Amino acid sequence: MVWGCIAYGKKGPLVRLDLPRSRGKAPEDHKRGGLDTKGYVAQILEGPLLQFYMDCEKERGGEMLVVKDNAPAHNSKLTAEARRHLGIKHLDHPAHSPDINPIERIWFELKYKVQRTPGAYKSIDALWEATRQAWEELTDEDIQRVKSKMGRVPAAVIEKRGGSVKVF
């Protein structure tokens, strides 16, 4: 499992996550083996997200908002406390609404590239390498293209009363 982030016209880091299931045990609060709350805070909030957030605020001279979806690790009390402590401001995101989250389109394009990479699925390390390479090939212009198309999406989602919309 990986984590990555974007801002308008800017690519953040891609992180290979250390998951409890990959170490042979799943945490009690996340039995499916994904990233639990403590892992999210330690591996994402206190590290790459905080650094990217601060870099973007400094570069842009203004406050940034992190868009979070409704993944359990994003919405726990521990996560909210960590965000407050770190000074990371966020924008809540409706559940099950990938149409209005630009990184979902980036993930779609990334997966498409990885699927077409010969040998990507022969091992976890090969999959990581293919994913890392696809992320490296993603340009700031690619991100800006996706983000610029998102401007019309919220109005379209409202018009469809929360239904799915075609963005691309």
N, C-alpha and C. Protein backbone atom coordinates (compact mmCIF):
# COMPACT_ATOMS: atom_id res chain seq x y z
N MET A 1 0.84 -1.17 0.00
CA MET A 1 0.00 0.00 0.00
C MET A 1 0.89 1.24 0.00
N VAL A 2 0.46 2.24 -0.76
CA VAL A 2 1.21 3.48 -0.83
C VAL A 2 0.32 4.66 -0.46
N TRP A 3 0.96 5.75 -0.15
CA TRP A 3 0.28 7.01 0.12
C TRP A 3 1.01 8.08 -0.68
N GLY A 4 0.25 9.01 -1.23
CA GLY A 4 0.83 10.14 -1.93
C GLY A 4 -0.10 11.32 -1.81
N CYS A 5 0.41 12.50 -2.15
CA CYS A 5 -0.42 13.69 -2.08
C CYS A 5 -0.04 14.64 -3.21
N ILE A 6 -0.99 15.53 -3.50
CA ILE A 6 -0.79 16.55 -4.52
C ILE A 6 -1.34 17.87 -4.01
N ALA A 7 -0.88 18.93 -4.62
CA ALA A 7 -1.47 20.26 -4.44
C ALA A 7 -1.63 20.79 -5.86
N TYR A 8 -2.28 21.92 -6.01
CA TYR A 8 -2.48 22.45 -7.36
C TYR A 8 -1.14 22.63 -8.05
N GLY A 9 -0.93 21.86 -9.10
CA GLY A 9 0.30 21.98 -9.88
C GLY A 9 1.55 21.48 -9.19
N LYS A 10 1.42 20.66 -8.16
CA LYS A 10 2.60 20.21 -7.42
C LYS A 10 2.39 18.78 -6.92
N LYS A 11 3.39 17.96 -7.15
CA LYS A 11 3.36 16.58 -6.69
C LYS A 11 4.08 16.48 -5.36
N GLY A 12 3.47 15.79 -4.43
CA GLY A 12 4.10 15.53 -3.14
C GLY A 12 4.83 14.20 -3.18
N PRO A 13 5.25 13.73 -2.03
CA PRO A 13 5.98 12.47 -1.96
C PRO A 13 5.07 11.26 -2.12
N LEU A 14 5.66 10.16 -2.54
CA LEU A 14 4.98 8.87 -2.55
C LEU A 14 5.66 8.03 -1.47
N VAL A 15 4.87 7.42 -0.61
CA VAL A 15 5.40 6.69 0.53
C VAL A 15 4.94 5.23 0.47
N ARG A 16 5.88 4.33 0.60
CA ARG A 16 5.55 2.91 0.74
C ARG A 16 5.27 2.68 2.21
N LEU A 17 4.06 2.27 2.50
CA LEU A 17 3.63 2.14 3.88
C LEU A 17 4.05 0.81 4.49
N ASP A 18 4.37 0.88 5.77
CA ASP A 18 4.69 -0.31 6.55
C ASP A 18 3.41 -0.71 7.26
N LEU A 19 2.77 -1.76 6.75
CA LEU A 19 1.48 -2.17 7.28
C LEU A 19 1.62 -3.30 8.29
N PRO A 20 0.81 -3.26 9.35
CA PRO A 20 0.88 -4.33 10.35
C PRO A 20 0.69 -5.72 9.75
N ARG A 21 -0.21 -5.86 8.78
CA ARG A 21 -0.46 -7.18 8.19
C ARG A 21 0.79 -7.70 7.49
N SER A 22 1.58 -6.81 6.91
CA SER A 22 2.80 -7.27 6.23
C SER A 22 3.84 -7.76 7.24
N ARG A 23 3.65 -7.41 8.51
CA ARG A 23 4.54 -7.90 9.56
C ARG A 23 3.92 -9.08 10.29
N GLY A 24 2.78 -9.60 9.75
CA GLY A 24 2.18 -10.81 10.30
C GLY A 24 1.08 -10.61 11.31
N LYS A 25 0.71 -9.35 11.60
CA LYS A 25 -0.39 -9.16 12.54
C LYS A 25 -1.18 -7.91 12.17
N ALA A 26 -2.49 -8.04 12.25
CA ALA A 26 -3.37 -6.92 11.95
C ALA A 26 -3.73 -6.21 13.25
N PRO A 27 -3.83 -4.89 13.23
CA PRO A 27 -4.21 -4.16 14.43
C PRO A 27 -5.68 -4.40 14.76
N GLU A 28 -6.03 -4.25 16.02
CA GLU A 28 -7.41 -4.46 16.45
C GLU A 28 -8.38 -3.50 15.78
N ASP A 29 -7.94 -2.24 15.53
CA ASP A 29 -8.87 -1.25 14.98
C ASP A 29 -8.94 -1.28 13.45
N HIS A 30 -8.28 -2.22 12.83
CA HIS A 30 -8.34 -2.28 11.37
C HIS A 30 -8.03 -3.71 10.91
N LYS A 31 -8.98 -4.59 11.09
CA LYS A 31 -8.77 -6.01 10.86
C LYS A 31 -8.52 -6.38 9.39
N ARG A 32 -8.84 -5.49 8.44
CA ARG A 32 -8.61 -5.81 7.04
C ARG A 32 -7.14 -5.66 6.65
N GLY A 33 -6.35 -5.11 7.52
CA GLY A 33 -4.92 -5.04 7.25
C GLY A 33 -4.44 -3.76 6.62
N GLY A 34 -5.30 -2.76 6.46
CA GLY A 34 -4.87 -1.49 5.92
C GLY A 34 -4.11 -0.68 6.96
N LEU A 35 -3.97 0.58 6.69
CA LEU A 35 -3.25 1.46 7.60
C LEU A 35 -4.14 1.84 8.77
N ASP A 36 -3.70 1.57 9.97
CA ASP A 36 -4.47 1.94 11.15
C ASP A 36 -4.14 3.38 11.55
N THR A 37 -4.85 3.86 12.55
CA THR A 37 -4.72 5.25 12.99
C THR A 37 -3.30 5.59 13.43
N LYS A 38 -2.72 4.75 14.27
CA LYS A 38 -1.36 5.04 14.75
C LYS A 38 -0.37 5.05 13.59
N GLY A 39 -0.53 4.14 12.66
CA GLY A 39 0.34 4.10 11.49
C GLY A 39 0.19 5.34 10.63
N TYR A 40 -1.06 5.80 10.45
CA TYR A 40 -1.32 6.99 9.66
C TYR A 40 -0.66 8.22 10.29
N VAL A 41 -0.83 8.37 11.59
CA VAL A 41 -0.23 9.51 12.27
C VAL A 41 1.29 9.46 12.17
N ALA A 42 1.88 8.30 12.46
CA ALA A 42 3.34 8.17 12.48
C ALA A 42 3.95 8.22 11.09
N GLN A 43 3.35 7.51 10.13
CA GLN A 43 3.98 7.40 8.80
C GLN A 43 3.59 8.51 7.84
N ILE A 44 2.47 9.17 8.09
CA ILE A 44 1.99 10.19 7.14
C ILE A 44 1.93 11.58 7.79
N LEU A 45 1.07 11.74 8.78
CA LEU A 45 0.87 13.08 9.35
C LEU A 45 2.14 13.70 9.89
N GLU A 46 2.87 12.96 10.69
CA GLU A 46 4.05 13.54 11.35
C GLU A 46 5.27 13.59 10.43
N GLY A 47 5.17 13.06 9.26
CA GLY A 47 6.31 13.01 8.35
C GLY A 47 6.04 13.70 7.03
N PRO A 48 5.78 12.91 5.98
CA PRO A 48 5.70 13.49 4.63
C PRO A 48 4.56 14.48 4.43
N LEU A 49 3.40 14.25 5.04
CA LEU A 49 2.31 15.20 4.85
C LEU A 49 2.63 16.53 5.52
N LEU A 50 3.13 16.48 6.73
CA LEU A 50 3.48 17.71 7.44
C LEU A 50 4.53 18.51 6.66
N GLN A 51 5.55 17.84 6.17
CA GLN A 51 6.60 18.52 5.42
C GLN A 51 6.06 19.14 4.13
N PHE A 52 5.26 18.38 3.38
CA PHE A 52 4.66 18.88 2.14
C PHE A 52 3.74 20.06 2.43
N TYR A 53 2.94 19.94 3.46
CA TYR A 53 2.01 20.99 3.88
C TYR A 53 2.76 22.28 4.19
N MET A 54 3.81 22.17 4.99
CA MET A 54 4.60 23.36 5.37
C MET A 54 5.31 23.95 4.15
N ASP A 55 5.86 23.10 3.29
CA ASP A 55 6.53 23.58 2.08
C ASP A 55 5.55 24.35 1.19
N CYS A 56 4.35 23.80 1.01
CA CYS A 56 3.34 24.46 0.17
C CYS A 56 2.91 25.79 0.77
N GLU A 57 2.69 25.82 2.08
CA GLU A 57 2.30 27.08 2.71
C GLU A 57 3.39 28.14 2.53
N LYS A 58 4.63 27.73 2.68
CA LYS A 58 5.75 28.67 2.54
C LYS A 58 5.85 29.16 1.10
N GLU A 59 5.78 28.24 0.13
CA GLU A 59 5.89 28.60 -1.29
C GLU A 59 4.75 29.51 -1.74
N ARG A 60 3.56 29.25 -1.25
CA ARG A 60 2.38 29.95 -1.73
C ARG A 60 1.99 31.13 -0.87
N GLY A 61 2.66 31.25 0.28
CA GLY A 61 2.40 32.39 1.15
C GLY A 61 1.00 32.44 1.72
N GLY A 62 0.40 31.30 1.91
CA GLY A 62 -0.94 31.28 2.47
C GLY A 62 -1.27 29.94 3.08
N GLU A 63 -2.43 29.91 3.68
CA GLU A 63 -2.87 28.70 4.37
C GLU A 63 -3.30 27.62 3.38
N MET A 64 -2.92 26.40 3.66
CA MET A 64 -3.32 25.25 2.87
C MET A 64 -4.38 24.47 3.64
N LEU A 65 -5.22 23.78 2.90
CA LEU A 65 -6.18 22.87 3.50
C LEU A 65 -5.92 21.48 2.93
N VAL A 66 -5.87 20.48 3.78
CA VAL A 66 -5.71 19.10 3.36
C VAL A 66 -7.10 18.53 3.14
N VAL A 67 -7.34 17.97 1.96
CA VAL A 67 -8.60 17.30 1.69
C VAL A 67 -8.45 15.87 2.17
N LYS A 68 -9.33 15.47 3.06
CA LYS A 68 -9.28 14.10 3.56
C LYS A 68 -10.58 13.42 3.21
N ASP A 69 -10.47 12.13 2.91
CA ASP A 69 -11.70 11.39 2.67
C ASP A 69 -12.14 10.74 3.98
N ASN A 70 -13.03 9.81 3.91
CA ASN A 70 -13.57 9.24 5.15
C ASN A 70 -12.94 7.91 5.51
N ALA A 71 -11.68 7.71 5.15
CA ALA A 71 -10.98 6.50 5.60
C ALA A 71 -10.93 6.52 7.12
N PRO A 72 -11.11 5.37 7.75
CA PRO A 72 -11.13 5.34 9.22
C PRO A 72 -9.91 6.01 9.87
N ALA A 73 -8.74 5.79 9.31
CA ALA A 73 -7.53 6.39 9.90
C ALA A 73 -7.52 7.91 9.81
N HIS A 74 -8.24 8.48 8.84
CA HIS A 74 -8.27 9.93 8.68
C HIS A 74 -9.21 10.60 9.67
N ASN A 75 -10.13 9.84 10.23
CA ASN A 75 -11.21 10.44 11.01
C ASN A 75 -11.22 10.08 12.49
N SER A 76 -10.20 9.45 12.98
CA SER A 76 -10.18 9.06 14.39
C SER A 76 -9.87 10.26 15.29
N LYS A 77 -10.15 10.09 16.57
CA LYS A 77 -9.83 11.13 17.54
C LYS A 77 -8.33 11.37 17.61
N LEU A 78 -7.55 10.29 17.55
CA LEU A 78 -6.09 10.41 17.59
C LEU A 78 -5.58 11.22 16.40
N THR A 79 -6.13 10.98 15.22
CA THR A 79 -5.74 11.72 14.02
C THR A 79 -6.12 13.19 14.14
N ALA A 80 -7.34 13.46 14.60
CA ALA A 80 -7.79 14.85 14.75
C ALA A 80 -6.90 15.58 15.75
N GLU A 81 -6.56 14.91 16.83
CA GLU A 81 -5.67 15.49 17.84
C GLU A 81 -4.29 15.78 17.24
N ALA A 82 -3.77 14.84 16.47
CA ALA A 82 -2.45 15.02 15.84
C ALA A 82 -2.47 16.18 14.85
N ARG A 83 -3.53 16.26 14.04
CA ARG A 83 -3.65 17.38 13.08
C ARG A 83 -3.66 18.71 13.80
N ARG A 84 -4.44 18.79 14.88
CA ARG A 84 -4.49 20.05 15.66
C ARG A 84 -3.12 20.39 16.22
N HIS A 85 -2.46 19.41 16.80
CA HIS A 85 -1.13 19.62 17.39
C HIS A 85 -0.12 20.07 16.34
N LEU A 86 -0.20 19.50 15.14
CA LEU A 86 0.76 19.81 14.08
C LEU A 86 0.37 21.07 13.30
N GLY A 87 -0.83 21.58 13.52
CA GLY A 87 -1.28 22.78 12.80
C GLY A 87 -1.73 22.50 11.38
N ILE A 88 -2.14 21.28 11.10
CA ILE A 88 -2.60 20.92 9.75
C ILE A 88 -4.11 21.13 9.70
N LYS A 89 -4.52 22.08 8.87
CA LYS A 89 -5.94 22.36 8.71
C LYS A 89 -6.47 21.49 7.58
N HIS A 90 -7.73 21.07 7.71
CA HIS A 90 -8.27 20.15 6.72
C HIS A 90 -9.65 20.58 6.25
N LEU A 91 -10.04 19.98 5.15
CA LEU A 91 -11.36 20.17 4.56
C LEU A 91 -12.01 18.80 4.53
N ASP A 92 -13.14 18.66 5.20
CA ASP A 92 -13.83 17.38 5.18
C ASP A 92 -14.31 17.08 3.77
N HIS A 93 -14.36 15.82 3.47
CA HIS A 93 -14.72 15.37 2.14
C HIS A 93 -15.89 14.40 2.29
N PRO A 94 -16.93 14.54 1.47
CA PRO A 94 -18.06 13.61 1.59
C PRO A 94 -17.63 12.16 1.35
N ALA A 95 -18.28 11.25 2.04
CA ALA A 95 -17.99 9.83 1.86
C ALA A 95 -18.38 9.38 0.45
N HIS A 96 -17.64 8.43 -0.07
CA HIS A 96 -17.94 7.80 -1.35
C HIS A 96 -18.11 8.82 -2.47
N SER A 97 -17.21 9.78 -2.57
CA SER A 97 -17.33 10.82 -3.60
C SER A 97 -16.00 11.06 -4.31
N PRO A 98 -15.47 10.05 -4.95
CA PRO A 98 -14.19 10.22 -5.64
C PRO A 98 -14.25 11.23 -6.79
N ASP A 99 -15.46 11.50 -7.30
CA ASP A 99 -15.58 12.45 -8.41
C ASP A 99 -15.09 13.84 -8.04
N ILE A 100 -15.13 14.18 -6.77
CA ILE A 100 -14.73 15.54 -6.38
C ILE A 100 -13.40 15.57 -5.65
N ASN A 101 -12.66 14.48 -5.72
CA ASN A 101 -11.34 14.43 -5.12
C ASN A 101 -10.32 14.21 -6.23
N PRO A 102 -9.55 15.24 -6.59
CA PRO A 102 -8.65 15.13 -7.75
C PRO A 102 -7.61 14.03 -7.65
N ILE A 103 -7.19 13.66 -6.44
CA ILE A 103 -6.16 12.63 -6.37
C ILE A 103 -6.70 11.28 -6.81
N GLU A 104 -8.01 11.09 -6.78
CA GLU A 104 -8.57 9.82 -7.25
C GLU A 104 -8.28 9.62 -8.74
N ARG A 105 -8.33 10.70 -9.51
CA ARG A 105 -7.98 10.60 -10.94
C ARG A 105 -6.49 10.32 -11.10
N ILE A 106 -5.68 10.91 -10.26
CA ILE A 106 -4.24 10.64 -10.30
C ILE A 106 -3.98 9.17 -10.00
N TRP A 107 -4.66 8.62 -8.97
CA TRP A 107 -4.49 7.20 -8.65
C TRP A 107 -4.92 6.32 -9.83
N PHE A 108 -5.99 6.71 -10.50
CA PHE A 108 -6.46 5.96 -11.66
C PHE A 108 -5.38 5.91 -12.73
N GLU A 109 -4.81 7.06 -13.04
CA GLU A 109 -3.76 7.13 -14.06
C GLU A 109 -2.51 6.37 -13.63
N LEU A 110 -2.16 6.44 -12.37
CA LEU A 110 -1.00 5.73 -11.85
C LEU A 110 -1.20 4.22 -11.97
N LYS A 111 -2.37 3.74 -11.58
CA LYS A 111 -2.66 2.31 -11.68
C LYS A 111 -2.62 1.84 -13.13
N TYR A 112 -3.12 2.66 -14.02
CA TYR A 112 -3.10 2.33 -15.44
C TYR A 112 -1.66 2.12 -15.91
N LYS A 113 -0.77 3.01 -15.53
CA LYS A 113 0.65 2.88 -15.92
C LYS A 113 1.29 1.64 -15.31
N VAL A 114 1.01 1.40 -14.04
CA VAL A 114 1.60 0.25 -13.35
C VAL A 114 1.12 -1.06 -13.99
N GLN A 115 -0.16 -1.14 -14.33
CA GLN A 115 -0.71 -2.35 -14.94
C GLN A 115 -0.02 -2.68 -16.26
N ARG A 116 0.48 -1.67 -16.92
CA ARG A 116 1.13 -1.88 -18.22
C ARG A 116 2.65 -2.01 -18.12
N THR A 117 3.15 -2.07 -16.91
CA THR A 117 4.58 -2.23 -16.69
C THR A 117 4.93 -3.71 -16.64
N PRO A 118 5.73 -4.19 -17.59
CA PRO A 118 6.10 -5.61 -17.58
C PRO A 118 6.78 -6.00 -16.27
N GLY A 119 6.32 -7.11 -15.68
CA GLY A 119 6.93 -7.64 -14.47
C GLY A 119 6.51 -6.96 -13.18
N ALA A 120 5.60 -5.99 -13.27
CA ALA A 120 5.22 -5.22 -12.07
C ALA A 120 4.60 -6.09 -10.98
N TYR A 121 3.99 -7.19 -11.37
CA TYR A 121 3.27 -7.99 -10.39
C TYR A 121 4.00 -9.27 -9.98
N LYS A 122 5.28 -9.36 -10.30
CA LYS A 122 6.00 -10.59 -9.93
C LYS A 122 6.40 -10.63 -8.46
N SER A 123 6.45 -9.48 -7.80
CA SER A 123 6.74 -9.43 -6.37
C SER A 123 6.29 -8.08 -5.81
N ILE A 124 6.23 -8.00 -4.50
CA ILE A 124 5.87 -6.73 -3.85
C ILE A 124 6.90 -5.67 -4.18
N ASP A 125 8.16 -6.03 -4.20
CA ASP A 125 9.21 -5.05 -4.51
C ASP A 125 9.11 -4.58 -5.96
N ALA A 126 8.78 -5.48 -6.88
CA ALA A 126 8.62 -5.09 -8.28
C ALA A 126 7.42 -4.16 -8.43
N LEU A 127 6.36 -4.45 -7.70
CA LEU A 127 5.17 -3.58 -7.73
C LEU A 127 5.50 -2.20 -7.17
N TRP A 128 6.23 -2.16 -6.07
CA TRP A 128 6.65 -0.87 -5.52
C TRP A 128 7.50 -0.10 -6.53
N GLU A 129 8.43 -0.76 -7.16
CA GLU A 129 9.31 -0.08 -8.11
C GLU A 129 8.51 0.47 -9.30
N ALA A 130 7.57 -0.31 -9.81
CA ALA A 130 6.74 0.15 -10.92
C ALA A 130 5.87 1.34 -10.49
N THR A 131 5.35 1.28 -9.27
CA THR A 131 4.53 2.37 -8.75
C THR A 131 5.37 3.62 -8.54
N ARG A 132 6.53 3.45 -7.97
CA ARG A 132 7.44 4.58 -7.74
C ARG A 132 7.83 5.24 -9.06
N GLN A 133 8.12 4.41 -10.07
CA GLN A 133 8.51 4.94 -11.38
C GLN A 133 7.35 5.70 -12.02
N ALA A 134 6.14 5.14 -11.93
CA ALA A 134 4.97 5.82 -12.50
C ALA A 134 4.74 7.15 -11.80
N TRP A 135 4.95 7.20 -10.49
CA TRP A 135 4.79 8.46 -9.73
C TRP A 135 5.85 9.46 -10.17
N GLU A 136 7.08 8.99 -10.35
CA GLU A 136 8.16 9.89 -10.80
C GLU A 136 7.85 10.49 -12.17
N GLU A 137 7.21 9.72 -13.04
CA GLU A 137 6.88 10.19 -14.38
C GLU A 137 5.72 11.17 -14.40
N LEU A 138 4.95 11.20 -13.33
CA LEU A 138 3.84 12.13 -13.21
C LEU A 138 4.40 13.54 -13.08
N THR A 139 4.00 14.42 -13.97
CA THR A 139 4.54 15.78 -13.96
C THR A 139 3.62 16.75 -13.23
N ASP A 140 4.16 17.89 -12.86
CA ASP A 140 3.35 18.93 -12.25
C ASP A 140 2.27 19.39 -13.23
N GLU A 141 2.55 19.35 -14.52
CA GLU A 141 1.57 19.71 -15.54
C GLU A 141 0.41 18.70 -15.56
N ASP A 142 0.72 17.42 -15.37
CA ASP A 142 -0.34 16.40 -15.28
C ASP A 142 -1.27 16.72 -14.12
N ILE A 143 -0.69 17.08 -12.99
CA ILE A 143 -1.49 17.39 -11.80
C ILE A 143 -2.33 18.64 -12.04
N GLN A 144 -1.73 19.63 -12.64
CA GLN A 144 -2.47 20.87 -12.92
C GLN A 144 -3.61 20.60 -13.89
N ARG A 145 -3.39 19.73 -14.88
CA ARG A 145 -4.44 19.38 -15.84
C ARG A 145 -5.64 18.75 -15.11
N VAL A 146 -5.36 17.82 -14.23
CA VAL A 146 -6.43 17.16 -13.47
C VAL A 146 -7.13 18.17 -12.57
N LYS A 147 -6.36 18.94 -11.83
CA LYS A 147 -6.95 19.91 -10.90
C LYS A 147 -7.78 20.96 -11.63
N SER A 148 -7.32 21.42 -12.80
CA SER A 148 -8.06 22.45 -13.52
C SER A 148 -9.41 21.95 -14.00
N LYS A 149 -9.54 20.66 -14.27
CA LYS A 149 -10.82 20.10 -14.69
C LYS A 149 -11.78 19.91 -13.52
N MET A 150 -11.26 20.01 -12.32
CA MET A 150 -12.10 19.78 -11.15
C MET A 150 -13.00 20.98 -10.82
N GLY A 151 -12.69 22.15 -11.38
CA GLY A 151 -13.45 23.36 -11.05
C GLY A 151 -14.94 23.24 -11.29
N ARG A 152 -15.31 22.52 -12.33
CA ARG A 152 -16.73 22.40 -12.67
C ARG A 152 -17.42 21.24 -11.95
N VAL A 153 -16.65 20.41 -11.27
CA VAL A 153 -17.20 19.19 -10.70
C VAL A 153 -18.17 19.42 -9.54
N PRO A 154 -17.84 20.24 -8.53
CA PRO A 154 -18.80 20.40 -7.43
C PRO A 154 -20.19 20.83 -7.89
N ALA A 155 -20.26 21.76 -8.83
CA ALA A 155 -21.58 22.20 -9.34
C ALA A 155 -22.29 21.05 -10.04
N ALA A 156 -21.55 20.24 -10.79
CA ALA A 156 -22.15 19.10 -11.48
C ALA A 156 -22.66 18.06 -10.49
N VAL A 157 -21.91 17.84 -9.40
CA VAL A 157 -22.33 16.89 -8.37
C VAL A 157 -23.60 17.40 -7.68
N ILE A 158 -23.66 18.69 -7.40
CA ILE A 158 -24.86 19.28 -6.79
C ILE A 158 -26.04 19.14 -7.74
N GLU A 159 -25.81 19.43 -9.01
CA GLU A 159 -26.87 19.30 -10.01
C GLU A 159 -27.42 17.88 -10.08
N LYS A 160 -26.53 16.90 -9.94
CA LYS A 160 -26.94 15.49 -9.97
C LYS A 160 -27.36 14.99 -8.59
N ARG A 161 -27.46 15.90 -7.63
CA ARG A 161 -27.87 15.57 -6.26
C ARG A 161 -27.01 14.48 -5.65
N GLY A 162 -25.70 14.64 -5.83
CA GLY A 162 -24.75 13.71 -5.23
C GLY A 162 -24.41 12.53 -6.11
N GLY A 163 -25.01 12.46 -7.25
CA GLY A 163 -24.73 11.34 -8.16
C GLY A 163 -23.37 11.48 -8.83
N SER A 164 -22.97 10.43 -9.47
CA SER A 164 -21.67 10.38 -10.17
C SER A 164 -21.71 11.31 -11.38
N VAL A 165 -20.55 11.94 -11.63
CA VAL A 165 -20.44 12.81 -12.78
C VAL A 165 -19.23 12.40 -13.63
N LYS A 166 -19.30 12.70 -14.91
CA LYS A 166 -18.18 12.40 -15.80
C LYS A 166 -17.27 13.61 -15.83
N VAL A 167 -16.03 13.44 -15.40
CA VAL A 167 -15.08 14.55 -15.32
C VAL A 167 -14.16 14.54 -16.54
N PHE A 168 -13.71 13.37 -16.95
CA PHE A 168 -12.71 13.28 -18.01
C PHE A 168 -13.26 12.55 -19.22
